């Protein structure tokens, strides 16, 4: 991992510095998850557990990430002390999905870090899990007529930032349905970047 990636990927930079630069508010993304008190949430690529700032209704929450530093940060959050909140440093596999049997899956800022085969494979695994009712993805995106956004997208740590059709193609290959999609500002009043948010259903 490059020094650039290590600095930008550090939880302190992600949670405290980055919001000052681009403005961050994930409220629309987590509202799109539409989680209720009976839902089992699987947060793939959970990072430092930022989802717990936005989610207050669920039966269980399971955050998975391959970054040990980020998971360590997540486990130190006050919300992580709840008995129905779990974090793991691991890749999500079919066995994990069958063990948790999630009803809601969040992929916040994940797909643009995966190449096409990895992204489609992960989406297909979720689609094959019969308990999954909704998947929400949220990614940096290239948009026509948005030069400042596209510069920010070019600087993103993710190596596989796509345009809108690129994300749609992943969903089509995974045989999922796009229930809704939209470009959302990174912050409703001061966000200078756009994210592409998709609500997917089996």
N, C-alpha and C. Protein backbone atom coordinates (compact mmCIF):
# COMPACT_ATOMS: atom_id res chain seq x y z
N UNK A 1 0.85 -1.19 0.00
CA UNK A 1 0.00 0.00 0.00
C UNK A 1 0.89 1.25 0.00
N UNK A 2 0.59 2.21 -0.86
CA UNK A 2 1.38 3.42 -0.96
C UNK A 2 1.19 4.31 0.26
N UNK A 3 2.13 5.25 0.45
CA UNK A 3 2.00 6.22 1.55
C UNK A 3 0.71 7.02 1.39
N UNK A 4 0.38 7.38 0.16
CA UNK A 4 -0.86 8.12 -0.14
C UNK A 4 -2.07 7.35 0.37
N UNK A 5 -2.13 6.05 0.07
CA UNK A 5 -3.25 5.22 0.50
C UNK A 5 -3.28 5.07 2.01
N UNK A 6 -2.11 4.90 2.62
CA UNK A 6 -2.05 4.72 4.06
C UNK A 6 -2.56 5.96 4.80
N UNK A 7 -2.17 7.13 4.29
CA UNK A 7 -2.61 8.38 4.94
C UNK A 7 -4.10 8.59 4.76
N UNK A 8 -4.58 8.51 3.52
CA UNK A 8 -6.00 8.76 3.26
C UNK A 8 -6.89 7.68 3.84
N UNK A 9 -6.35 6.48 4.00
CA UNK A 9 -7.15 5.38 4.52
C UNK A 9 -7.17 5.29 6.03
N UNK A 10 -6.35 6.09 6.70
CA UNK A 10 -6.32 6.02 8.16
C UNK A 10 -7.65 6.52 8.72
N UNK A 11 -8.20 5.82 9.72
CA UNK A 11 -9.51 6.21 10.26
C UNK A 11 -9.60 7.66 10.71
N UNK A 12 -8.53 8.19 11.33
CA UNK A 12 -8.59 9.59 11.78
C UNK A 12 -8.77 10.53 10.60
N UNK A 13 -8.00 10.31 9.53
CA UNK A 13 -8.11 11.15 8.34
C UNK A 13 -9.49 11.00 7.71
N UNK A 14 -9.96 9.75 7.62
CA UNK A 14 -11.25 9.47 6.98
C UNK A 14 -12.39 10.13 7.74
N UNK A 15 -12.36 10.05 9.07
CA UNK A 15 -13.50 10.52 9.87
C UNK A 15 -13.40 11.98 10.27
N UNK A 16 -12.19 12.57 10.29
CA UNK A 16 -12.06 13.93 10.79
C UNK A 16 -11.53 14.93 9.77
N UNK A 17 -10.62 14.51 8.89
CA UNK A 17 -10.03 15.43 7.92
C UNK A 17 -10.85 15.45 6.62
N UNK A 18 -11.15 14.27 6.11
CA UNK A 18 -11.88 14.17 4.84
C UNK A 18 -13.21 14.93 4.85
N UNK A 19 -14.02 14.84 5.92
CA UNK A 19 -15.27 15.60 5.93
C UNK A 19 -15.07 17.11 5.80
N UNK A 20 -13.94 17.63 6.30
CA UNK A 20 -13.67 19.06 6.18
C UNK A 20 -13.35 19.45 4.74
N UNK A 21 -12.79 18.51 3.98
CA UNK A 21 -12.39 18.79 2.60
C UNK A 21 -13.56 18.66 1.64
N UNK A 22 -14.27 17.54 1.69
CA UNK A 22 -15.33 17.30 0.70
C UNK A 22 -16.73 17.42 1.30
N UNK A 23 -16.85 17.44 2.63
CA UNK A 23 -18.18 17.45 3.24
C UNK A 23 -18.79 16.08 3.17
N UNK A 24 -19.08 15.47 4.29
CA UNK A 24 -19.59 14.11 4.29
C UNK A 24 -20.85 14.01 5.13
N UNK A 25 -21.89 13.51 4.54
CA UNK A 25 -23.13 13.18 5.26
C UNK A 25 -23.79 12.02 4.52
N UNK A 26 -23.77 10.84 5.14
CA UNK A 26 -24.29 9.64 4.49
C UNK A 26 -25.76 9.37 4.83
N UNK A 27 -26.46 10.35 5.35
CA UNK A 27 -27.85 10.14 5.74
C UNK A 27 -28.71 9.55 4.62
N UNK A 28 -28.67 10.10 3.39
CA UNK A 28 -29.53 9.54 2.33
C UNK A 28 -29.22 8.07 2.03
N UNK A 29 -27.95 7.71 2.10
CA UNK A 29 -27.56 6.34 1.78
C UNK A 29 -28.13 5.36 2.81
N UNK A 30 -28.03 5.72 4.08
CA UNK A 30 -28.51 4.81 5.11
C UNK A 30 -30.03 4.84 5.24
N UNK A 31 -30.64 5.96 4.89
CA UNK A 31 -32.10 5.98 4.81
C UNK A 31 -32.59 5.05 3.71
N UNK A 32 -31.83 4.96 2.62
CA UNK A 32 -32.19 4.07 1.51
C UNK A 32 -32.15 2.60 1.93
N UNK A 33 -31.35 2.30 2.94
CA UNK A 33 -31.30 0.91 3.43
C UNK A 33 -32.63 0.50 4.04
N UNK A 34 -33.37 1.48 4.58
CA UNK A 34 -34.72 1.26 5.11
C UNK A 34 -34.74 0.12 6.14
N UNK A 35 -33.81 0.19 7.08
CA UNK A 35 -33.69 -0.88 8.08
C UNK A 35 -34.70 -0.69 9.21
N UNK A 36 -35.25 -1.81 9.67
CA UNK A 36 -36.18 -1.81 10.79
C UNK A 36 -35.61 -2.61 11.94
N UNK A 37 -36.36 -2.67 13.02
CA UNK A 37 -35.87 -3.33 14.23
C UNK A 37 -35.67 -4.83 14.06
N UNK A 38 -36.27 -5.42 13.03
CA UNK A 38 -36.13 -6.87 12.81
C UNK A 38 -35.02 -7.21 11.82
N UNK A 39 -34.36 -6.22 11.27
CA UNK A 39 -33.39 -6.48 10.21
C UNK A 39 -32.02 -6.87 10.74
N UNK A 40 -31.41 -7.80 10.02
CA UNK A 40 -30.03 -8.19 10.25
C UNK A 40 -29.19 -7.52 9.17
N UNK A 41 -28.35 -6.58 9.57
CA UNK A 41 -27.60 -5.76 8.62
C UNK A 41 -26.18 -6.29 8.48
N UNK A 42 -25.77 -6.47 7.24
CA UNK A 42 -24.39 -6.82 6.91
C UNK A 42 -23.78 -5.62 6.21
N UNK A 43 -22.75 -5.04 6.81
CA UNK A 43 -22.07 -3.86 6.27
C UNK A 43 -20.72 -4.32 5.74
N UNK A 44 -20.62 -4.46 4.41
CA UNK A 44 -19.40 -4.97 3.79
C UNK A 44 -18.48 -3.80 3.43
N UNK A 45 -17.25 -3.85 3.95
CA UNK A 45 -16.35 -2.72 3.80
C UNK A 45 -16.73 -1.62 4.78
N UNK A 46 -16.95 -2.01 6.03
CA UNK A 46 -17.52 -1.10 7.03
C UNK A 46 -16.55 -0.03 7.50
N UNK A 47 -15.24 -0.20 7.22
CA UNK A 47 -14.28 0.79 7.66
C UNK A 47 -14.30 0.95 9.17
N UNK A 48 -14.33 2.20 9.63
CA UNK A 48 -14.30 2.48 11.06
C UNK A 48 -15.63 2.47 11.74
N UNK A 49 -16.63 1.84 11.12
CA UNK A 49 -17.94 1.69 11.76
C UNK A 49 -18.80 2.93 11.70
N UNK A 50 -18.57 3.77 10.69
CA UNK A 50 -19.33 5.02 10.57
C UNK A 50 -20.83 4.79 10.44
N UNK A 51 -21.22 3.61 9.98
CA UNK A 51 -22.65 3.30 9.82
C UNK A 51 -23.42 3.47 11.11
N UNK A 52 -22.76 3.24 12.23
CA UNK A 52 -23.45 3.31 13.52
C UNK A 52 -23.84 4.74 13.89
N UNK A 53 -23.32 5.71 13.18
CA UNK A 53 -23.78 7.09 13.36
C UNK A 53 -25.15 7.29 12.75
N UNK A 54 -25.50 6.43 11.79
CA UNK A 54 -26.73 6.63 11.02
C UNK A 54 -27.80 5.58 11.29
N UNK A 55 -27.39 4.42 11.75
CA UNK A 55 -28.33 3.32 11.96
C UNK A 55 -28.67 3.19 13.44
N UNK A 56 -29.96 3.23 13.74
CA UNK A 56 -30.37 3.02 15.13
C UNK A 56 -31.46 1.97 15.25
N UNK A 57 -31.85 1.39 14.11
CA UNK A 57 -32.88 0.34 14.14
C UNK A 57 -32.35 -0.90 13.44
N UNK A 58 -32.14 -1.94 14.18
CA UNK A 58 -31.74 -3.23 13.60
C UNK A 58 -31.79 -4.28 14.70
N UNK A 59 -31.93 -5.52 14.26
CA UNK A 59 -31.85 -6.65 15.19
C UNK A 59 -30.38 -6.93 15.50
N UNK A 60 -29.57 -7.09 14.43
CA UNK A 60 -28.12 -7.25 14.60
C UNK A 60 -27.42 -6.48 13.50
N UNK A 61 -26.22 -6.02 13.81
CA UNK A 61 -25.37 -5.33 12.83
C UNK A 61 -24.04 -6.06 12.79
N UNK A 62 -23.58 -6.37 11.57
CA UNK A 62 -22.31 -7.08 11.37
C UNK A 62 -21.47 -6.28 10.39
N UNK A 63 -20.36 -5.73 10.88
CA UNK A 63 -19.45 -4.96 10.03
C UNK A 63 -18.22 -5.77 9.68
N UNK A 64 -17.93 -5.89 8.37
CA UNK A 64 -16.77 -6.64 7.89
C UNK A 64 -15.85 -5.72 7.09
N UNK A 65 -14.55 -5.84 7.35
CA UNK A 65 -13.57 -5.10 6.57
C UNK A 65 -12.25 -5.86 6.65
N UNK A 66 -11.41 -5.70 5.63
CA UNK A 66 -10.11 -6.38 5.64
C UNK A 66 -9.02 -5.53 6.28
N UNK A 67 -9.35 -4.30 6.65
CA UNK A 67 -8.38 -3.38 7.24
C UNK A 67 -8.41 -3.51 8.76
N UNK A 68 -7.37 -4.07 9.34
CA UNK A 68 -7.33 -4.29 10.79
C UNK A 68 -7.35 -2.98 11.56
N UNK A 69 -6.69 -1.95 11.03
CA UNK A 69 -6.67 -0.66 11.72
C UNK A 69 -8.08 -0.07 11.79
N UNK A 70 -8.80 -0.15 10.68
CA UNK A 70 -10.16 0.38 10.65
C UNK A 70 -11.08 -0.39 11.60
N UNK A 71 -10.97 -1.72 11.63
CA UNK A 71 -11.80 -2.52 12.52
C UNK A 71 -11.47 -2.24 13.98
N UNK A 72 -10.19 -2.05 14.28
CA UNK A 72 -9.80 -1.69 15.64
C UNK A 72 -10.44 -0.37 16.05
N UNK A 73 -10.44 0.60 15.13
CA UNK A 73 -11.09 1.89 15.37
C UNK A 73 -12.58 1.70 15.60
N UNK A 74 -13.22 0.86 14.76
CA UNK A 74 -14.65 0.62 14.88
C UNK A 74 -15.01 0.02 16.23
N UNK A 75 -14.19 -0.90 16.70
CA UNK A 75 -14.48 -1.57 17.98
C UNK A 75 -14.36 -0.64 19.18
N UNK A 76 -13.71 0.51 18.99
CA UNK A 76 -13.58 1.47 20.08
C UNK A 76 -14.74 2.46 20.15
N UNK A 77 -15.62 2.41 19.16
CA UNK A 77 -16.78 3.31 19.17
C UNK A 77 -17.69 2.93 20.34
N UNK A 78 -18.31 3.88 21.00
CA UNK A 78 -19.23 3.55 22.10
C UNK A 78 -20.36 2.61 21.68
N UNK A 79 -20.84 2.78 20.44
CA UNK A 79 -21.95 1.94 19.96
C UNK A 79 -21.54 0.49 19.81
N UNK A 80 -20.23 0.25 19.65
CA UNK A 80 -19.74 -1.11 19.43
C UNK A 80 -19.88 -1.97 20.67
N UNK A 81 -20.15 -1.36 21.82
CA UNK A 81 -20.32 -2.12 23.06
C UNK A 81 -21.68 -2.81 23.12
N UNK A 82 -22.58 -2.46 22.22
CA UNK A 82 -23.90 -3.09 22.23
C UNK A 82 -23.77 -4.57 21.88
N UNK A 83 -24.53 -5.43 22.55
CA UNK A 83 -24.38 -6.88 22.32
C UNK A 83 -24.81 -7.34 20.93
N UNK A 84 -25.57 -6.52 20.21
CA UNK A 84 -26.02 -6.91 18.87
C UNK A 84 -25.18 -6.27 17.77
N UNK A 85 -24.01 -5.71 18.13
CA UNK A 85 -23.09 -5.11 17.16
C UNK A 85 -21.82 -5.95 17.11
N UNK A 86 -21.42 -6.34 15.91
CA UNK A 86 -20.25 -7.22 15.75
C UNK A 86 -19.37 -6.70 14.61
N UNK A 87 -18.06 -6.73 14.82
CA UNK A 87 -17.10 -6.36 13.78
C UNK A 87 -16.12 -7.51 13.56
N UNK A 88 -15.70 -7.68 12.31
CA UNK A 88 -14.75 -8.74 11.98
C UNK A 88 -13.79 -8.27 10.91
N UNK A 89 -12.53 -8.65 11.05
CA UNK A 89 -11.52 -8.39 10.02
C UNK A 89 -11.48 -9.62 9.11
N UNK A 90 -12.21 -9.57 8.03
CA UNK A 90 -12.32 -10.74 7.16
C UNK A 90 -13.02 -10.35 5.86
N UNK A 91 -12.81 -11.18 4.85
CA UNK A 91 -13.59 -11.08 3.63
C UNK A 91 -14.95 -11.72 3.84
N UNK A 92 -15.95 -11.22 3.15
CA UNK A 92 -17.28 -11.83 3.21
C UNK A 92 -17.34 -12.97 2.20
N UNK A 93 -17.75 -14.13 2.68
CA UNK A 93 -17.87 -15.32 1.84
C UNK A 93 -19.31 -15.82 1.88
N UNK A 94 -19.57 -16.84 1.07
CA UNK A 94 -20.91 -17.46 1.10
C UNK A 94 -21.21 -18.02 2.48
N UNK A 95 -20.18 -18.58 3.14
CA UNK A 95 -20.38 -19.13 4.48
C UNK A 95 -20.77 -18.03 5.48
N UNK A 96 -20.15 -16.87 5.35
CA UNK A 96 -20.49 -15.74 6.22
C UNK A 96 -21.94 -15.33 5.98
N UNK A 97 -22.32 -15.23 4.72
CA UNK A 97 -23.69 -14.84 4.39
C UNK A 97 -24.71 -15.84 4.93
N UNK A 98 -24.41 -17.12 4.81
CA UNK A 98 -25.33 -18.14 5.30
C UNK A 98 -25.37 -18.16 6.82
N UNK A 99 -24.25 -17.79 7.45
CA UNK A 99 -24.23 -17.76 8.91
C UNK A 99 -25.01 -16.60 9.49
N UNK A 100 -24.88 -15.42 8.86
CA UNK A 100 -25.57 -14.23 9.34
C UNK A 100 -26.99 -14.16 8.83
N UNK A 101 -27.20 -14.61 7.60
CA UNK A 101 -28.50 -14.53 6.93
C UNK A 101 -29.07 -13.11 6.99
N UNK A 102 -28.34 -12.16 6.40
CA UNK A 102 -28.76 -10.76 6.49
C UNK A 102 -30.01 -10.49 5.68
N UNK A 103 -30.76 -9.49 6.13
CA UNK A 103 -31.91 -9.01 5.37
C UNK A 103 -31.58 -7.73 4.61
N UNK A 104 -30.59 -6.99 5.11
CA UNK A 104 -30.13 -5.75 4.49
C UNK A 104 -28.60 -5.82 4.35
N UNK A 105 -28.10 -5.42 3.17
CA UNK A 105 -26.66 -5.40 2.93
C UNK A 105 -26.26 -4.00 2.51
N UNK A 106 -25.25 -3.45 3.18
CA UNK A 106 -24.72 -2.13 2.84
C UNK A 106 -23.34 -2.28 2.23
N UNK A 107 -23.11 -1.60 1.12
CA UNK A 107 -21.79 -1.53 0.49
C UNK A 107 -21.47 -0.06 0.29
N UNK A 108 -21.04 0.58 1.35
CA UNK A 108 -20.80 2.02 1.33
C UNK A 108 -19.36 2.30 0.90
N UNK A 109 -19.19 2.79 -0.33
CA UNK A 109 -17.85 3.09 -0.82
C UNK A 109 -17.03 1.86 -1.10
N UNK A 110 -17.65 0.79 -1.55
CA UNK A 110 -16.95 -0.48 -1.74
C UNK A 110 -16.67 -0.83 -3.19
N UNK A 111 -17.69 -0.75 -4.05
CA UNK A 111 -17.54 -1.28 -5.41
C UNK A 111 -16.43 -0.61 -6.19
N UNK A 112 -16.15 0.65 -5.93
CA UNK A 112 -15.09 1.31 -6.70
C UNK A 112 -13.69 0.92 -6.22
N UNK A 113 -13.62 0.05 -5.23
CA UNK A 113 -12.34 -0.54 -4.82
C UNK A 113 -12.16 -1.96 -5.38
N UNK A 114 -13.18 -2.46 -6.07
CA UNK A 114 -13.15 -3.82 -6.60
C UNK A 114 -13.16 -3.80 -8.12
N UNK A 115 -12.41 -4.72 -8.73
CA UNK A 115 -12.50 -4.83 -10.19
C UNK A 115 -13.83 -5.48 -10.56
N UNK A 116 -14.11 -5.56 -11.85
CA UNK A 116 -15.43 -6.02 -12.29
C UNK A 116 -15.75 -7.43 -11.79
N UNK A 117 -14.79 -8.34 -11.89
CA UNK A 117 -15.06 -9.72 -11.49
C UNK A 117 -15.29 -9.83 -9.99
N UNK A 118 -14.51 -9.10 -9.20
CA UNK A 118 -14.70 -9.12 -7.75
C UNK A 118 -16.06 -8.53 -7.37
N UNK A 119 -16.41 -7.41 -8.00
CA UNK A 119 -17.67 -6.74 -7.68
C UNK A 119 -18.86 -7.60 -8.06
N UNK A 120 -18.83 -8.17 -9.26
CA UNK A 120 -19.95 -9.01 -9.70
C UNK A 120 -20.05 -10.26 -8.83
N UNK A 121 -18.91 -10.85 -8.47
CA UNK A 121 -18.93 -12.03 -7.62
C UNK A 121 -19.56 -11.75 -6.27
N UNK A 122 -19.23 -10.62 -5.68
CA UNK A 122 -19.80 -10.26 -4.39
C UNK A 122 -21.29 -10.01 -4.49
N UNK A 123 -21.70 -9.27 -5.51
CA UNK A 123 -23.12 -9.01 -5.71
C UNK A 123 -23.89 -10.31 -5.95
N UNK A 124 -23.31 -11.22 -6.70
CA UNK A 124 -23.97 -12.50 -6.96
C UNK A 124 -24.12 -13.31 -5.67
N UNK A 125 -23.10 -13.29 -4.81
CA UNK A 125 -23.21 -14.01 -3.53
C UNK A 125 -24.36 -13.47 -2.71
N UNK A 126 -24.50 -12.14 -2.68
CA UNK A 126 -25.60 -11.54 -1.94
C UNK A 126 -26.95 -11.90 -2.57
N UNK A 127 -26.99 -11.89 -3.90
CA UNK A 127 -28.23 -12.23 -4.60
C UNK A 127 -28.64 -13.67 -4.36
N UNK A 128 -27.66 -14.55 -4.12
CA UNK A 128 -27.95 -15.97 -3.90
C UNK A 128 -28.38 -16.26 -2.47
N UNK A 129 -28.33 -15.28 -1.60
CA UNK A 129 -28.73 -15.46 -0.20
C UNK A 129 -30.20 -15.11 -0.07
N UNK A 130 -31.04 -16.12 0.21
CA UNK A 130 -32.48 -15.92 0.09
C UNK A 130 -33.07 -14.96 1.11
N UNK A 131 -32.34 -14.64 2.17
CA UNK A 131 -32.88 -13.71 3.16
C UNK A 131 -32.68 -12.25 2.78
N UNK A 132 -31.76 -11.99 1.86
CA UNK A 132 -31.44 -10.60 1.49
C UNK A 132 -32.62 -9.98 0.74
N UNK A 133 -33.10 -8.87 1.28
CA UNK A 133 -34.22 -8.15 0.67
C UNK A 133 -33.79 -6.88 -0.03
N UNK A 134 -32.68 -6.31 0.42
CA UNK A 134 -32.24 -5.03 -0.15
C UNK A 134 -30.73 -4.88 0.00
N UNK A 135 -30.10 -4.36 -1.05
CA UNK A 135 -28.68 -4.03 -1.05
C UNK A 135 -28.56 -2.57 -1.45
N UNK A 136 -27.79 -1.81 -0.70
CA UNK A 136 -27.54 -0.41 -1.05
C UNK A 136 -26.06 -0.23 -1.32
N UNK A 137 -25.75 0.34 -2.48
CA UNK A 137 -24.36 0.64 -2.83
C UNK A 137 -24.20 2.16 -2.94
N UNK A 138 -23.01 2.62 -2.64
CA UNK A 138 -22.72 4.05 -2.64
C UNK A 138 -21.27 4.23 -3.08
N UNK A 139 -21.07 4.87 -4.23
CA UNK A 139 -19.72 4.92 -4.77
C UNK A 139 -19.39 6.24 -5.44
N UNK A 140 -18.10 6.57 -5.40
CA UNK A 140 -17.57 7.66 -6.20
C UNK A 140 -17.87 7.37 -7.66
N UNK A 141 -18.20 8.43 -8.42
CA UNK A 141 -18.65 8.21 -9.79
C UNK A 141 -18.17 9.34 -10.70
N UNK A 142 -17.91 9.00 -11.95
CA UNK A 142 -17.64 10.01 -12.97
C UNK A 142 -18.97 10.43 -13.59
N UNK A 143 -19.22 11.74 -13.62
CA UNK A 143 -20.48 12.26 -14.13
C UNK A 143 -20.21 13.28 -15.23
N UNK A 144 -20.97 13.26 -16.32
CA UNK A 144 -20.79 14.25 -17.38
C UNK A 144 -21.15 15.64 -16.86
N UNK A 145 -20.36 16.64 -17.28
CA UNK A 145 -20.65 18.01 -16.90
C UNK A 145 -20.36 18.34 -15.45
N UNK A 146 -19.58 17.49 -14.75
CA UNK A 146 -19.24 17.72 -13.34
C UNK A 146 -17.72 17.66 -13.17
N UNK A 147 -16.99 18.66 -13.69
CA UNK A 147 -15.53 18.58 -13.68
C UNK A 147 -14.93 18.51 -12.28
N UNK A 148 -15.45 19.27 -11.32
CA UNK A 148 -14.88 19.24 -9.98
C UNK A 148 -15.09 17.88 -9.33
N UNK A 149 -16.29 17.35 -9.50
CA UNK A 149 -16.56 16.00 -8.99
C UNK A 149 -15.62 14.99 -9.62
N UNK A 150 -15.39 15.11 -10.90
CA UNK A 150 -14.57 14.13 -11.60
C UNK A 150 -13.10 14.22 -11.20
N UNK A 151 -12.64 15.41 -10.85
CA UNK A 151 -11.28 15.55 -10.32
C UNK A 151 -11.18 14.83 -8.97
N UNK A 152 -12.20 15.02 -8.12
CA UNK A 152 -12.22 14.34 -6.83
C UNK A 152 -12.27 12.83 -7.03
N UNK A 153 -13.03 12.39 -8.01
CA UNK A 153 -13.12 10.96 -8.30
C UNK A 153 -11.77 10.41 -8.76
N UNK A 154 -11.06 11.20 -9.55
CA UNK A 154 -9.74 10.77 -10.03
C UNK A 154 -8.75 10.63 -8.88
N UNK A 155 -8.91 11.44 -7.84
CA UNK A 155 -8.01 11.42 -6.69
C UNK A 155 -8.39 10.36 -5.66
N UNK A 156 -9.54 9.73 -5.86
CA UNK A 156 -10.01 8.73 -4.90
C UNK A 156 -9.03 7.56 -4.81
N UNK A 157 -8.94 6.95 -3.62
CA UNK A 157 -8.06 5.79 -3.45
C UNK A 157 -8.54 4.59 -4.25
N UNK A 158 -9.84 4.53 -4.53
CA UNK A 158 -10.38 3.40 -5.28
C UNK A 158 -9.85 3.39 -6.71
N UNK A 159 -9.38 2.24 -7.14
CA UNK A 159 -8.78 2.13 -8.48
C UNK A 159 -9.81 1.86 -9.57
N UNK A 160 -11.07 1.64 -9.18
CA UNK A 160 -12.06 1.22 -10.17
C UNK A 160 -13.30 2.11 -10.14
N UNK A 161 -13.07 3.43 -10.02
CA UNK A 161 -14.18 4.37 -10.11
C UNK A 161 -14.78 4.27 -11.52
N UNK A 162 -16.09 4.19 -11.61
CA UNK A 162 -16.78 3.99 -12.89
C UNK A 162 -17.72 5.14 -13.18
N UNK A 163 -18.21 5.18 -14.41
CA UNK A 163 -19.32 6.08 -14.71
C UNK A 163 -20.61 5.36 -14.37
N UNK A 164 -21.74 6.02 -14.55
CA UNK A 164 -23.03 5.44 -14.15
C UNK A 164 -23.28 4.11 -14.84
N UNK A 165 -23.03 4.05 -16.15
CA UNK A 165 -23.29 2.81 -16.88
C UNK A 165 -22.40 1.68 -16.39
N UNK A 166 -21.20 2.03 -15.97
CA UNK A 166 -20.30 0.99 -15.45
C UNK A 166 -20.88 0.31 -14.22
N UNK A 167 -21.47 1.09 -13.32
CA UNK A 167 -22.10 0.49 -12.14
C UNK A 167 -23.36 -0.29 -12.52
N UNK A 168 -24.11 0.23 -13.46
CA UNK A 168 -25.32 -0.49 -13.91
C UNK A 168 -24.95 -1.84 -14.51
N UNK A 169 -23.85 -1.88 -15.24
CA UNK A 169 -23.42 -3.13 -15.87
C UNK A 169 -23.09 -4.20 -14.82
N UNK A 170 -22.48 -3.79 -13.72
CA UNK A 170 -22.18 -4.75 -12.65
C UNK A 170 -23.47 -5.37 -12.13
N UNK A 171 -24.47 -4.53 -11.90
CA UNK A 171 -25.75 -5.01 -11.37
C UNK A 171 -26.42 -5.96 -12.35
N UNK A 172 -26.39 -5.61 -13.63
CA UNK A 172 -27.01 -6.47 -14.63
C UNK A 172 -26.32 -7.83 -14.68
N UNK A 173 -25.00 -7.85 -14.60
CA UNK A 173 -24.26 -9.12 -14.63
C UNK A 173 -24.57 -9.98 -13.40
N UNK A 174 -24.87 -9.32 -12.28
CA UNK A 174 -25.21 -10.07 -11.07
C UNK A 174 -26.68 -10.48 -11.03
N UNK A 175 -27.43 -10.10 -12.05
CA UNK A 175 -28.86 -10.43 -12.17
C UNK A 175 -29.67 -9.87 -10.99
N UNK A 176 -29.31 -8.66 -10.60
CA UNK A 176 -30.07 -7.93 -9.60
C UNK A 176 -30.88 -6.84 -10.29
N UNK A 177 -31.86 -6.31 -9.60
CA UNK A 177 -32.72 -5.26 -10.14
C UNK A 177 -32.42 -3.94 -9.43
N UNK A 178 -32.31 -2.87 -10.19
CA UNK A 178 -32.13 -1.55 -9.61
C UNK A 178 -33.51 -0.98 -9.28
N UNK A 179 -33.81 -0.90 -7.99
CA UNK A 179 -35.10 -0.35 -7.56
C UNK A 179 -35.09 1.17 -7.63
N UNK A 180 -33.94 1.78 -7.34
CA UNK A 180 -33.79 3.23 -7.49
C UNK A 180 -32.31 3.55 -7.59
N UNK A 181 -32.00 4.70 -8.15
CA UNK A 181 -30.62 5.15 -8.31
C UNK A 181 -30.60 6.66 -8.41
N UNK A 182 -29.55 7.27 -7.85
CA UNK A 182 -29.43 8.72 -7.96
C UNK A 182 -28.02 9.17 -7.58
N UNK A 183 -27.65 10.34 -8.07
CA UNK A 183 -26.41 10.98 -7.67
C UNK A 183 -26.71 11.83 -6.44
N UNK A 184 -25.98 11.59 -5.36
CA UNK A 184 -26.20 12.28 -4.09
C UNK A 184 -24.97 13.10 -3.75
N UNK A 185 -25.17 14.33 -3.35
CA UNK A 185 -24.04 15.16 -2.93
C UNK A 185 -23.43 14.59 -1.66
N UNK A 186 -22.12 14.73 -1.51
CA UNK A 186 -21.43 14.20 -0.34
C UNK A 186 -21.88 14.88 0.95
N UNK A 187 -22.43 16.07 0.83
CA UNK A 187 -23.08 16.77 1.95
C UNK A 187 -24.17 17.64 1.34
N UNK A 188 -25.36 17.70 1.95
CA UNK A 188 -26.47 18.40 1.30
C UNK A 188 -26.25 19.89 1.05
N UNK A 189 -25.39 20.55 1.84
CA UNK A 189 -25.19 21.98 1.66
C UNK A 189 -23.77 22.34 1.23
N UNK A 190 -22.77 21.56 1.62
CA UNK A 190 -21.39 21.93 1.30
C UNK A 190 -20.62 20.80 0.63
N UNK A 191 -21.31 19.80 0.14
CA UNK A 191 -20.63 18.69 -0.53
C UNK A 191 -20.12 19.08 -1.90
N UNK A 192 -18.86 18.81 -2.17
CA UNK A 192 -18.30 19.14 -3.49
C UNK A 192 -18.13 17.90 -4.37
N UNK A 193 -18.45 16.74 -3.82
CA UNK A 193 -18.37 15.50 -4.59
C UNK A 193 -19.77 14.88 -4.71
N UNK A 194 -19.92 14.01 -5.69
CA UNK A 194 -21.17 13.28 -5.88
C UNK A 194 -20.91 11.79 -5.69
N UNK A 195 -21.88 11.11 -5.13
CA UNK A 195 -21.82 9.66 -5.00
C UNK A 195 -23.00 9.06 -5.77
N UNK A 196 -22.76 7.89 -6.37
CA UNK A 196 -23.83 7.19 -7.07
C UNK A 196 -24.41 6.15 -6.13
N UNK A 197 -25.68 6.31 -5.77
CA UNK A 197 -26.35 5.44 -4.82
C UNK A 197 -27.37 4.59 -5.55
N UNK A 198 -27.25 3.28 -5.38
CA UNK A 198 -28.21 2.34 -5.98
C UNK A 198 -28.88 1.50 -4.89
N UNK A 199 -30.17 1.34 -5.01
CA UNK A 199 -30.92 0.41 -4.17
C UNK A 199 -31.23 -0.80 -5.03
N UNK A 200 -30.71 -1.95 -4.61
CA UNK A 200 -30.82 -3.17 -5.42
C UNK A 200 -31.71 -4.19 -4.73
N UNK A 201 -32.42 -4.94 -5.53
CA UNK A 201 -33.27 -6.01 -5.01
C UNK A 201 -33.07 -7.27 -5.83
N UNK A 202 -33.35 -8.41 -5.21
CA UNK A 202 -33.18 -9.69 -5.87
C UNK A 202 -34.31 -9.95 -6.85
